[in-house]
């Protein structure tokens, strides 16, 4: 095997985020750019000679080119085996499972999550470790440091392999196995859920619509929903992964999945259950006939009924939620007598709890839900757990929601996203807000009085690490809450996320409209943070 050493230059401070490196495709197409990052990963993780590496992605534009180069680089860096999904396809949760099942040293996941795809859109790479989860912070920081000093990357000079044919090929001494991207994950789902009960419900008339958004979950949904569970052909919509996601934004929210939402709100045409997933398959949207279930409520409702699925029949060890996620799941944890954890945003925090056996179900308000079956959020897993519950209970989504709220109360909740704000403006808003925190308690904003305000910090109960400045929390008397955070999931500017939550106890107003119930909080958010003054925006770009 002849290894070629390519000279290169450092990234010069282009820091990868917590979800890996995300930039425009044209940035990744620069000579040596993707190679710099991949080599930095290999240099830092230093896998044992002959180790197994998993590679796959969401099928977006530029995936195939980077996968071919990553294979050549893996051969040059001493890996012995690469598992790659056919067509370069592996959903993020499926990649996590493949890493765990095949005892790989880790994996490269090529995705920019729910961001648009295409020649002028977004691309991304992240590294997951041997537990199947995102690399911990000390590893991502070391990778970043390496990108600042790297001067060479290694590869072998070999032709591309055929990614569309299952089987094994040799690349300069490296065994490359092109695997079915769906089979391992689908078998895992069948071990967790009561497929016979769901099949019986389908035969009895349970109907659904699933929008794969021309993203990675199409093949998974066709296999599990239509072939294994018996939903009719056509249940899965937009089920062929496309490099540009059909020109659409593969984010399963009420803006980008409006066609599905409109269908589910049509009393004549709506099936019993509707769902969608995102670009890389780790997020979900849940809609019943005539009712949208927020991700926060979905986590709570799944936790309250998870015992109905065989994989969770023994009960839950704990429930974890990210800090911006509503407190609905906390009330379920209390009722079940199990721990409830509030963590920073980022699945790696859940991974620690899952690995330590402290939690079973986890969820984020950004439509990510999962369990200890993998170390990533899993959009279709959440859909299947919902189907399992509906089939066993013989209940509609609306009736299940009403029953839950009557028992636990309702957390009216919304997230307002102000996207692509100039970074300087976004930073100024957060800096001013942070400075004002000590002065907020006791102040009134309309009918609301601030009870406390802080910058959220988290002490990890597993490894003892402390994560500070994870978002601004403003709590009002009576239990209402606003959270402010800047997100790094975009590739241009900053996204300000404002989370609004009002708790209505059981017996209260459980059927009111969410906008009306949150109107006072919307006004208070601008009064506290000066959103219009800092950004010039009078309304959010996306409401979830």
Protein backbone atom coordinates (compact mmCIF):
# COMPACT_ATOMS: atom_id res chain seq x y z
CA UNK A 1 0.00 0.00 0.00
CA UNK A 2 1.39 3.39 -1.02
CA UNK A 3 0.32 6.26 1.22
CA UNK A 4 0.39 9.72 -0.29
CA UNK A 5 1.07 12.64 2.03
CA UNK A 6 -0.72 15.80 0.88
CA UNK A 7 0.45 19.17 2.13
CA UNK A 8 -2.31 21.43 3.39
CA UNK A 9 -2.98 24.51 5.47
CA UNK A 10 -4.89 24.85 8.76
CA UNK A 11 -8.53 25.95 9.03
CA UNK A 12 -7.46 29.31 10.47
CA UNK A 13 -10.03 29.37 13.21
CA UNK A 14 -13.12 27.97 11.47
CA UNK A 15 -14.34 26.18 14.57
CA UNK A 16 -16.53 23.09 14.27
CA UNK A 17 -19.70 23.30 16.37
CA UNK A 18 -21.04 20.74 18.82
CA UNK A 19 -22.71 18.91 15.91
CA UNK A 20 -19.52 18.70 13.88
CA UNK A 21 -18.39 20.94 11.05
CA UNK A 22 -21.13 22.59 8.99
CA UNK A 23 -20.49 24.94 6.10
CA UNK A 24 -21.76 25.65 2.61
CA UNK A 25 -21.01 22.98 0.01
CA UNK A 26 -18.71 25.38 -1.83
CA UNK A 27 -16.59 25.70 1.31
CA UNK A 28 -16.25 21.92 1.56
CA UNK A 29 -15.37 21.76 -2.14
CA UNK A 30 -12.22 23.79 -1.55
CA UNK A 31 -9.11 21.63 -2.09
CA UNK A 32 -8.19 19.85 1.12
CA UNK A 33 -11.02 21.29 3.21
CA UNK A 34 -12.97 18.13 4.03
CA UNK A 35 -9.69 16.22 4.13
CA UNK A 36 -8.31 18.59 6.79
CA UNK A 37 -11.20 17.87 9.11
CA UNK A 38 -11.24 14.12 8.51
CA UNK A 39 -7.48 13.87 9.04
CA UNK A 40 -7.80 15.93 12.23
CA UNK A 41 -10.36 13.42 13.46
CA UNK A 42 -8.09 10.47 12.65
CA UNK A 43 -5.09 12.17 14.27
CA UNK A 44 -7.01 12.84 17.48
CA UNK A 45 -8.92 9.59 17.98
CA UNK A 46 -5.93 7.41 17.01
CA UNK A 47 -7.93 4.25 16.44
CA UNK A 48 -6.12 0.95 16.96
CA UNK A 49 -4.56 -0.56 13.84
CA UNK A 50 -7.16 -2.60 11.96
CA UNK A 51 -10.10 -0.85 13.66
CA UNK A 52 -13.56 -0.63 12.10
CA UNK A 53 -14.95 2.69 10.93
CA UNK A 54 -18.59 3.37 9.94
CA UNK A 55 -19.30 5.94 7.22
CA UNK A 56 -22.65 7.18 5.97
CA UNK A 57 -24.82 10.21 5.53
CA UNK A 58 -28.17 11.66 4.65
CA UNK A 59 -27.73 11.54 0.88
CA UNK A 60 -27.31 15.27 0.41
CA UNK A 61 -25.23 16.80 -2.36
CA UNK A 62 -21.46 16.14 -2.04
CA UNK A 63 -21.96 13.09 0.23
CA UNK A 64 -20.66 10.58 -2.28
CA UNK A 65 -17.51 12.55 -3.12
CA UNK A 66 -16.54 12.96 0.54
CA UNK A 67 -17.32 9.31 1.34
CA UNK A 68 -14.99 8.12 -1.43
CA UNK A 69 -12.21 10.34 -0.12
CA UNK A 70 -12.86 9.28 3.49
CA UNK A 71 -12.44 5.63 2.44
CA UNK A 72 -9.08 6.36 0.82
CA UNK A 73 -8.00 8.28 3.92
CA UNK A 74 -9.16 5.50 6.27
CA UNK A 75 -6.98 3.05 4.36
CA UNK A 76 -3.99 5.38 4.67
CA UNK A 77 -4.55 5.89 8.39
CA UNK A 78 -4.48 2.23 9.36
CA UNK A 79 -8.13 1.26 9.60
CA UNK A 80 -8.81 -2.36 8.75
CA UNK A 81 -12.50 -2.27 7.92
CA UNK A 82 -15.05 0.31 6.78
CA UNK A 83 -18.80 -0.23 6.85
CA UNK A 84 -20.61 2.15 4.51
CA UNK A 85 -24.31 2.34 3.77
CA UNK A 86 -25.42 1.49 0.25
CA UNK A 87 -25.59 4.67 -1.80
CA UNK A 88 -23.72 6.39 1.00
CA UNK A 89 -26.95 6.34 3.02
CA UNK A 90 -27.13 5.90 6.79
CA UNK A 91 -29.52 7.84 8.98
CA UNK A 92 -27.85 9.28 12.06
CA UNK A 93 -29.64 6.87 14.47
CA UNK A 94 -28.95 3.94 12.15
CA UNK A 95 -25.26 4.89 12.05
CA UNK A 96 -25.24 4.95 15.84
CA UNK A 97 -26.73 1.45 15.92
CA UNK A 98 -24.31 0.10 13.30
CA UNK A 99 -21.36 1.46 15.31
CA UNK A 100 -22.64 -0.24 18.46
CA UNK A 101 -23.73 -3.53 16.88
CA UNK A 102 -20.51 -4.06 14.92
CA UNK A 103 -18.24 -2.77 17.71
CA UNK A 104 -16.72 -0.12 15.50
CA UNK A 105 -14.22 2.34 16.91
CA UNK A 106 -16.43 5.17 15.68
CA UNK A 107 -18.03 6.66 12.62
CA UNK A 108 -18.12 9.62 10.27
CA UNK A 109 -21.66 10.92 9.71
CA UNK A 110 -22.03 13.23 6.72
CA UNK A 111 -24.99 15.49 7.29
CA UNK A 112 -26.06 19.04 8.02
CA UNK A 113 -29.11 17.69 9.87
CA UNK A 114 -32.29 19.56 8.92
CA UNK A 115 -30.51 22.26 6.86
CA UNK A 116 -31.20 22.52 3.10
CA UNK A 117 -29.10 20.56 0.62
CA UNK A 118 -27.81 21.14 -2.90
CA UNK A 119 -24.82 22.70 -4.66
CA UNK A 120 -25.47 26.11 -3.10
CA UNK A 121 -26.66 24.84 0.28
CA UNK A 122 -25.21 23.09 3.32
CA UNK A 123 -22.94 20.17 4.12
CA UNK A 124 -21.52 18.76 7.32
CA UNK A 125 -19.35 16.08 8.93
CA UNK A 126 -19.30 14.88 12.52
CA UNK A 127 -17.55 12.09 14.38
CA UNK A 128 -19.34 9.64 16.66
CA UNK A 129 -17.42 7.50 19.13
CA UNK A 130 -17.52 3.81 19.96
CA UNK A 131 -20.68 4.20 22.07
CA UNK A 132 -22.47 5.40 18.93
CA UNK A 133 -22.94 8.91 20.27
CA UNK A 134 -21.50 12.29 19.33
CA UNK A 135 -17.90 12.73 20.37
CA UNK A 136 -17.56 14.22 23.87
CA UNK A 137 -16.48 17.82 24.28
CA UNK A 138 -12.85 17.01 25.09
CA UNK A 139 -12.58 15.14 21.78
CA UNK A 140 -14.31 17.84 19.71
CA UNK A 141 -12.07 20.48 21.28
CA UNK A 142 -8.99 18.39 20.47
CA UNK A 143 -10.18 17.97 16.88
CA UNK A 144 -10.65 21.72 16.62
CA UNK A 145 -7.18 22.34 18.00
CA UNK A 146 -5.73 19.92 15.49
CA UNK A 147 -7.45 21.70 12.58
CA UNK A 148 -5.58 24.86 13.56
CA UNK A 149 -2.17 23.27 13.18
CA UNK A 150 -2.59 20.47 10.66
CA UNK A 151 -0.13 20.52 7.77
CA UNK A 152 -0.79 17.25 5.96
CA UNK A 153 -3.40 14.63 5.23
CA UNK A 154 -2.94 11.04 4.16
CA UNK A 155 -4.67 9.02 1.45
CA UNK A 156 -4.12 6.12 -0.91
CA UNK A 157 -4.40 6.54 -4.67
CA UNK A 158 -7.23 4.21 -5.64
CA UNK A 159 -10.33 4.54 -7.83
CA UNK A 160 -13.79 5.11 -6.41
CA UNK A 161 -15.72 2.05 -5.28
CA UNK A 162 -19.30 1.29 -6.33
CA UNK A 163 -21.39 2.48 -3.39
CA UNK A 164 -24.61 1.10 -4.89
CA UNK A 165 -23.75 -2.60 -4.81
CA UNK A 166 -23.92 -4.61 -1.58
CA UNK A 167 -20.78 -6.59 -0.86
CA UNK A 168 -17.13 -6.40 0.10
CA UNK A 169 -14.24 -4.85 -1.79
CA UNK A 170 -10.58 -4.29 -0.93
CA UNK A 171 -9.08 -0.80 -1.05
CA UNK A 172 -5.31 -0.90 -0.57
CA UNK A 173 -5.59 -3.51 2.18
CA UNK A 174 -8.72 -1.98 3.71
CA UNK A 175 -11.87 -4.12 3.69
CA UNK A 176 -14.83 -1.99 2.62
CA UNK A 177 -18.25 -3.52 3.16
CA UNK A 178 -21.24 -1.84 1.52
CA UNK A 179 -24.14 -2.74 3.80
CA UNK A 180 -27.91 -2.48 3.65
CA UNK A 181 -28.44 0.81 5.50
CA UNK A 182 -31.87 -0.18 6.76
CA UNK A 183 -31.74 -3.84 7.84
CA UNK A 184 -29.89 -3.60 11.16
CA UNK A 185 -31.97 -0.66 12.36
CA UNK A 186 -35.27 -2.20 11.22
CA UNK A 187 -34.50 -5.44 13.07
CA UNK A 188 -33.76 -3.42 16.21
CA UNK A 189 -37.14 -1.68 15.94
CA UNK A 190 -38.89 -5.02 15.62
CA UNK A 191 -37.23 -6.14 18.86
CA UNK A 192 -38.45 -3.05 20.73
CA UNK A 193 -42.04 -2.66 19.56
CA UNK A 194 -45.15 -4.81 19.36
CA UNK A 195 -45.24 -5.19 15.60
CA UNK A 196 -48.08 -7.79 15.70
CA UNK A 197 -50.29 -5.33 17.63
CA UNK A 198 -49.51 -2.54 15.17
CA UNK A 199 -50.14 -4.82 12.18
CA UNK A 200 -53.49 -5.81 13.69
CA UNK A 201 -54.42 -2.16 14.19
CA UNK A 202 -53.48 -1.38 10.58
CA UNK A 203 -55.59 -4.29 9.39
CA UNK A 204 -58.40 -2.89 11.53
CA UNK A 205 -58.24 0.52 9.89
CA UNK A 206 -55.45 2.49 11.58
CA UNK A 207 -54.27 4.93 8.90
CA UNK A 208 -51.31 7.28 8.74
CA UNK A 209 -49.30 9.62 6.53
CA UNK A 210 -45.53 9.85 6.87
CA UNK A 211 -43.56 12.62 5.13
CA UNK A 212 -39.92 11.61 4.64
CA UNK A 213 -39.25 15.04 3.09
CA UNK A 214 -37.10 13.46 0.31
CA UNK A 215 -34.52 12.87 3.04
CA UNK A 216 -32.81 9.88 4.57
CA UNK A 217 -35.75 8.19 6.35
CA UNK A 218 -37.61 7.34 3.16
CA UNK A 219 -36.03 3.87 2.75
CA UNK A 220 -36.43 3.16 6.48
CA UNK A 221 -40.09 4.16 6.46
CA UNK A 222 -40.86 2.15 3.32
CA UNK A 223 -39.31 -0.95 4.91
CA UNK A 224 -40.84 -0.69 8.37
CA UNK A 225 -44.16 1.08 7.83
CA UNK A 226 -45.23 -0.36 4.49
CA UNK A 227 -43.46 -3.71 4.28
CA UNK A 228 -43.22 -4.92 7.88
CA UNK A 229 -46.28 -3.22 9.42
CA UNK A 230 -48.64 -3.40 6.46
CA UNK A 231 -49.53 0.23 5.88
CA UNK A 232 -50.59 0.60 2.24
CA UNK A 233 -48.23 1.84 -0.46
CA UNK A 234 -48.37 5.61 -0.52
CA UNK A 235 -48.38 5.94 3.26
CA UNK A 236 -44.78 7.14 2.95
CA UNK A 237 -44.67 10.38 1.01
CA UNK A 238 -41.57 11.97 -0.52
CA UNK A 239 -39.78 8.73 0.29
CA UNK A 240 -36.88 8.88 -2.20
CA UNK A 241 -33.79 10.62 -0.79
CA UNK A 242 -32.69 13.42 -3.10
CA UNK A 243 -29.44 15.36 -3.03
CA UNK A 244 -31.33 18.65 -2.71
CA UNK A 245 -34.31 17.23 -0.75
CA UNK A 246 -36.51 18.13 -3.69
CA UNK A 247 -35.65 21.80 -3.25
CA UNK A 248 -37.32 21.83 0.15
CA UNK A 249 -36.09 22.44 3.69
CA UNK A 250 -36.05 19.02 5.45
CA UNK A 251 -37.02 20.34 8.88
CA UNK A 252 -40.12 18.64 10.33
CA UNK A 253 -41.90 21.70 11.69
CA UNK A 254 -45.21 23.34 10.92
CA UNK A 255 -43.66 25.66 8.32
CA UNK A 256 -41.65 23.18 6.27
CA UNK A 257 -44.09 20.28 6.70
CA UNK A 258 -47.14 22.45 6.00
CA UNK A 259 -48.57 20.06 3.39
CA UNK A 260 -48.72 17.30 5.99
CA UNK A 261 -50.10 19.69 8.61
CA UNK A 262 -52.85 20.89 6.27
CA UNK A 263 -53.80 17.30 5.51
CA UNK A 264 -54.00 16.41 9.20
CA UNK A 265 -56.20 19.45 9.92
CA UNK A 266 -58.68 18.47 7.18
CA UNK A 267 -61.55 16.69 8.95
CA UNK A 268 -62.56 14.85 5.78
CA UNK A 269 -59.18 13.73 4.43
CA UNK A 270 -56.95 13.33 7.49
CA UNK A 271 -55.75 9.86 8.44
CA UNK A 272 -55.62 8.93 12.12
CA UNK A 273 -51.92 9.69 12.53
CA UNK A 274 -49.36 11.88 10.81
CA UNK A 275 -45.61 12.14 11.21
CA UNK A 276 -42.46 13.41 9.52
CA UNK A 277 -38.71 13.22 9.98
CA UNK A 278 -35.80 15.42 8.99
CA UNK A 279 -32.72 15.40 6.76
CA UNK A 280 -30.66 12.85 8.70
CA UNK A 281 -33.52 11.05 10.44
CA UNK A 282 -33.00 12.10 14.04
CA UNK A 283 -35.98 14.45 14.47
CA UNK A 284 -39.72 13.89 14.34
CA UNK A 285 -43.02 15.68 13.91
CA UNK A 286 -46.14 14.16 15.47
CA UNK A 287 -49.64 15.23 14.40
CA UNK A 288 -52.95 13.56 15.13
CA UNK A 289 -56.16 14.15 13.27
CA UNK A 290 -56.90 17.77 14.06
CA UNK A 291 -54.17 18.12 16.71
CA UNK A 292 -50.45 18.96 16.72
CA UNK A 293 -48.40 17.44 19.53
CA UNK A 294 -45.46 19.59 20.59
CA UNK A 295 -42.12 17.78 20.93
CA UNK A 296 -42.18 18.55 24.67
CA UNK A 297 -45.63 16.99 25.07
CA UNK A 298 -44.63 14.07 22.86
CA UNK A 299 -41.73 13.21 25.18
CA UNK A 300 -44.03 13.34 28.21
CA UNK A 301 -46.79 11.29 26.58
CA UNK A 302 -44.36 8.66 25.31
CA UNK A 303 -42.78 8.39 28.76
CA UNK A 304 -46.17 7.95 30.42
CA UNK A 305 -47.07 5.08 28.05
CA UNK A 306 -43.70 3.53 27.13
CA UNK A 307 -44.38 0.43 29.23
CA UNK A 308 -46.85 -0.68 26.54
CA UNK A 309 -43.94 -1.46 24.20
CA UNK A 310 -42.05 -4.73 24.85
CA UNK A 311 -38.68 -2.99 24.88
CA UNK A 312 -39.76 -0.79 27.80
CA UNK A 313 -42.16 -3.12 29.62
CA UNK A 314 -39.86 -3.29 32.65
CA UNK A 315 -40.22 0.44 33.19
CA UNK A 316 -37.99 3.46 32.74
CA UNK A 317 -34.80 4.19 34.68
CA UNK A 318 -35.20 7.93 34.26
CA UNK A 319 -36.29 10.66 31.88
CA UNK A 320 -33.97 13.40 30.63
CA UNK A 321 -34.87 16.60 28.84
CA UNK A 322 -32.89 19.56 27.61
CA UNK A 323 -33.31 22.76 29.59
CA UNK A 324 -35.35 24.59 26.90
CA UNK A 325 -37.78 21.64 26.69
CA UNK A 326 -40.96 22.13 28.70
CA UNK A 327 -41.30 20.64 32.17
CA UNK A 328 -44.11 18.30 31.08
CA UNK A 329 -41.81 15.26 31.27
CA UNK A 330 -40.77 16.21 34.81
CA UNK A 331 -44.33 15.65 36.01
CA UNK A 332 -44.38 12.19 34.45
CA UNK A 333 -41.05 11.30 36.08
CA UNK A 334 -42.40 12.43 39.44
CA UNK A 335 -45.56 10.35 39.02
CA UNK A 336 -43.50 7.28 38.06
CA UNK A 337 -41.11 7.78 40.96
CA UNK A 338 -38.04 7.93 38.73
CA UNK A 339 -35.35 10.59 38.26
CA UNK A 340 -35.91 13.49 35.90
CA UNK A 341 -32.86 15.28 34.49
CA UNK A 342 -32.57 18.80 33.03
CA UNK A 343 -29.50 19.05 30.82
CA UNK A 344 -27.98 21.53 28.38
CA UNK A 345 -28.94 21.19 24.75
CA UNK A 346 -26.86 18.53 23.03
CA UNK A 347 -27.31 14.78 22.81
CA UNK A 348 -23.88 14.11 24.30
CA UNK A 349 -25.28 15.07 27.73
CA UNK A 350 -27.99 12.45 27.34
CA UNK A 351 -25.36 9.96 26.19
CA UNK A 352 -23.61 10.14 29.55
CA UNK A 353 -26.88 9.44 31.38
CA UNK A 354 -27.79 6.59 29.01
CA UNK A 355 -24.36 4.96 29.24
CA UNK A 356 -24.52 5.16 33.05
CA UNK A 357 -27.99 3.57 33.14
CA UNK A 358 -29.53 6.64 34.75
CA UNK A 359 -32.08 7.39 32.01
CA UNK A 360 -34.07 5.47 29.41
CA UNK A 361 -35.96 8.15 27.45
CA UNK A 362 -34.56 11.52 26.40
CA UNK A 363 -35.93 14.45 24.47
CA UNK A 364 -35.30 17.93 23.17
CA UNK A 365 -37.86 20.56 22.26
CA UNK A 366 -36.29 20.75 18.79
CA UNK A 367 -38.18 17.57 17.82
CA UNK A 368 -35.48 15.14 18.93
CA UNK A 369 -36.60 12.14 20.97
CA UNK A 370 -34.83 8.87 21.71
CA UNK A 371 -33.98 6.15 24.16
CA UNK A 372 -31.14 3.93 25.27
CA UNK A 373 -31.43 1.77 22.11
CA UNK A 374 -28.88 4.08 20.40
CA UNK A 375 -26.92 7.17 21.41
CA UNK A 376 -28.64 9.61 19.08
CA UNK A 377 -32.15 10.94 18.83
CA UNK A 378 -34.25 8.81 16.50
CA UNK A 379 -37.19 10.24 14.56
CA UNK A 380 -38.74 7.03 13.28
CA UNK A 381 -38.25 5.32 16.64
CA UNK A 382 -40.54 7.99 18.16
CA UNK A 383 -43.09 7.43 15.40
CA UNK A 384 -43.08 3.68 16.06
CA UNK A 385 -43.50 4.14 19.81
CA UNK A 386 -46.49 6.37 19.13
CA UNK A 387 -47.94 3.70 16.82
CA UNK A 388 -47.33 1.02 19.45
CA UNK A 389 -49.18 3.06 22.08
CA UNK A 390 -52.10 3.93 19.80
CA UNK A 391 -52.45 0.31 18.69
CA UNK A 392 -52.41 -1.16 22.20
CA UNK A 393 -54.61 1.54 23.70
CA UNK A 394 -57.03 1.66 20.76
CA UNK A 395 -57.16 5.42 21.27
CA UNK A 396 -56.85 8.49 19.04
CA UNK A 397 -54.01 10.99 19.35
CA UNK A 398 -56.45 13.69 20.47
CA UNK A 399 -58.00 11.48 23.15
CA UNK A 400 -54.60 10.40 24.44
CA UNK A 401 -53.50 14.04 24.68
CA UNK A 402 -56.69 15.06 26.48
CA UNK A 403 -56.30 12.19 28.94
CA UNK A 404 -52.67 13.15 29.59
CA UNK A 405 -53.48 16.82 30.23
CA UNK A 406 -56.33 15.97 32.54
CA UNK A 407 -53.94 13.90 34.63
CA UNK A 408 -50.75 15.99 34.52
CA UNK A 409 -51.88 19.45 33.42
CA UNK A 410 -50.84 21.14 30.19
CA UNK A 411 -47.66 23.02 29.33
CA UNK A 412 -48.60 25.50 26.61
CA UNK A 413 -45.39 25.88 24.70
CA UNK A 414 -43.83 27.38 21.58
CA UNK A 415 -40.39 28.15 20.19
CA UNK A 416 -39.82 31.30 18.15
CA UNK A 417 -36.77 31.25 15.84
CA UNK A 418 -35.20 34.41 14.50
CA UNK A 419 -32.86 33.07 11.83
CA UNK A 420 -29.69 34.38 10.15
CA UNK A 421 -29.27 37.37 12.48
CA UNK A 422 -25.98 39.18 12.10
CA UNK A 423 -23.72 37.56 14.68
CA UNK A 424 -22.70 40.90 16.19
CA UNK A 425 -26.34 41.87 16.74
CA UNK A 426 -27.19 38.49 18.27
CA UNK A 427 -24.16 38.62 20.56
CA UNK A 428 -25.04 42.16 21.67
CA UNK A 429 -28.57 41.05 22.57
CA UNK A 430 -27.33 38.16 24.68
CA UNK A 431 -24.62 40.24 26.35
CA UNK A 432 -27.09 42.96 27.35
CA UNK A 433 -29.55 40.36 28.59
CA UNK A 434 -26.88 38.60 30.65
CA UNK A 435 -25.84 41.87 32.26
CA UNK A 436 -29.46 42.63 33.16
CA UNK A 437 -30.15 39.29 34.88
CA UNK A 438 -29.60 40.48 38.48
CA UNK A 439 -32.05 43.36 37.96
CA UNK A 440 -34.94 41.32 36.57
CA UNK A 441 -36.44 39.64 39.67
CA UNK A 442 -39.44 41.65 40.86
CA UNK A 443 -39.94 43.48 37.57
CA UNK A 444 -43.34 43.26 35.89
CA UNK A 445 -44.08 42.85 32.21
CA UNK A 446 -47.80 43.21 31.69
CA UNK A 447 -49.48 40.74 34.07
CA UNK A 448 -46.24 38.81 34.59
CA UNK A 449 -43.79 39.29 37.46
CA UNK A 450 -40.27 37.89 37.25
CA UNK A 451 -39.54 35.47 40.08
CA UNK A 452 -35.95 34.61 39.13
CA UNK A 453 -33.52 34.80 36.23
CA UNK A 454 -30.21 33.08 35.56
CA UNK A 455 -27.75 31.72 33.06
CA UNK A 456 -28.21 27.96 33.15
CA UNK A 457 -25.30 25.81 34.34
CA UNK A 458 -25.22 22.02 34.51
CA UNK A 459 -23.13 19.71 36.66
CA UNK A 460 -23.00 16.31 34.98
CA UNK A 461 -23.93 13.61 37.52
CA UNK A 462 -21.84 11.05 35.65
CA UNK A 463 -18.47 12.66 34.93
CA UNK A 464 -18.67 15.72 37.17
CA UNK A 465 -18.08 18.17 34.31
CA UNK A 466 -19.70 21.59 34.54
CA UNK A 467 -21.26 23.32 31.53
CA UNK A 468 -21.95 27.02 32.00
CA UNK A 469 -23.78 29.68 29.98
CA UNK A 470 -26.20 27.21 28.43
CA UNK A 471 -29.04 29.68 27.97
CA UNK A 472 -30.86 32.44 29.80
CA UNK A 473 -33.84 31.40 31.94
CA UNK A 474 -36.47 33.88 33.11
CA UNK A 475 -39.03 32.37 35.49
CA UNK A 476 -42.24 34.17 36.40
CA UNK A 477 -44.47 33.85 39.41
CA UNK A 478 -47.07 31.16 38.75
CA UNK A 479 -44.76 28.91 36.71
CA UNK A 480 -44.49 30.63 33.33
CA UNK A 481 -41.03 30.72 31.74
CA UNK A 482 -39.02 32.23 28.90
CA UNK A 483 -35.67 30.85 27.72
CA UNK A 484 -33.29 32.63 25.34
CA UNK A 485 -30.53 30.80 23.45
CA UNK A 486 -28.33 31.26 20.42
CA UNK A 487 -28.11 28.22 18.18
CA UNK A 488 -25.12 27.13 16.14
CA UNK A 489 -26.93 24.74 13.79
CA UNK A 490 -27.02 27.18 10.89
CA UNK A 491 -24.25 28.07 8.47
CA UNK A 492 -25.01 31.79 8.16
CA UNK A 493 -25.24 34.25 11.04
CA UNK A 494 -26.91 33.22 14.28
CA UNK A 495 -30.35 31.94 15.19
CA UNK A 496 -32.00 33.36 18.28
CA UNK A 497 -34.35 30.85 19.83
CA UNK A 498 -36.96 32.08 22.29
CA UNK A 499 -38.82 29.39 24.24
CA UNK A 500 -42.18 30.30 25.77
CA UNK A 501 -43.93 28.11 28.34
CA UNK A 502 -47.09 28.49 30.38
CA UNK A 503 -48.30 25.73 32.70
CA UNK A 504 -52.01 25.23 33.13
CA UNK A 505 -52.88 22.75 35.90
CA UNK A 506 -55.35 19.89 35.49
CA UNK A 507 -58.88 21.24 35.65
CA UNK A 508 -57.82 24.55 34.09
CA UNK A 509 -57.99 25.84 30.52
CA UNK A 510 -56.79 22.76 28.67
CA UNK A 511 -58.33 23.48 25.26
CA UNK A 512 -57.35 27.11 24.65
CA UNK A 513 -55.33 28.20 21.64
CA UNK A 514 -51.58 28.24 22.23
CA UNK A 515 -51.00 31.72 20.69
CA UNK A 516 -53.59 33.27 22.97
CA UNK A 517 -52.22 31.53 26.04
CA UNK A 518 -48.68 32.69 25.24
CA UNK A 519 -49.45 36.27 24.11
CA UNK A 520 -48.34 37.84 27.39
CA UNK A 521 -45.08 35.90 27.27
CA UNK A 522 -44.38 37.00 23.69
CA UNK A 523 -44.72 40.64 24.74
CA UNK A 524 -42.58 40.04 27.83
CA UNK A 525 -39.81 38.43 25.76
CA UNK A 526 -39.40 41.56 23.67
CA UNK A 527 -39.61 43.77 26.75
CA UNK A 528 -36.87 41.80 28.49
CA UNK A 529 -34.49 41.17 25.59
CA UNK A 530 -35.23 44.02 23.18
CA UNK A 531 -35.59 41.64 20.25
CA UNK A 532 -37.02 44.25 17.86
CA UNK A 533 -34.50 46.86 18.95
CA UNK A 534 -31.48 44.56 18.52
CA UNK A 535 -32.50 42.61 15.42
CA UNK A 536 -35.03 44.77 13.60
CA UNK A 537 -37.29 41.69 13.43
CA UNK A 538 -40.93 42.19 14.37
CA UNK A 539 -41.82 38.51 14.08
CA UNK A 540 -39.99 35.18 14.16
CA UNK A 541 -39.06 33.35 10.97
CA UNK A 542 -40.30 30.02 12.32
CA UNK A 543 -42.77 29.17 15.09
CA UNK A 544 -42.74 25.61 16.41
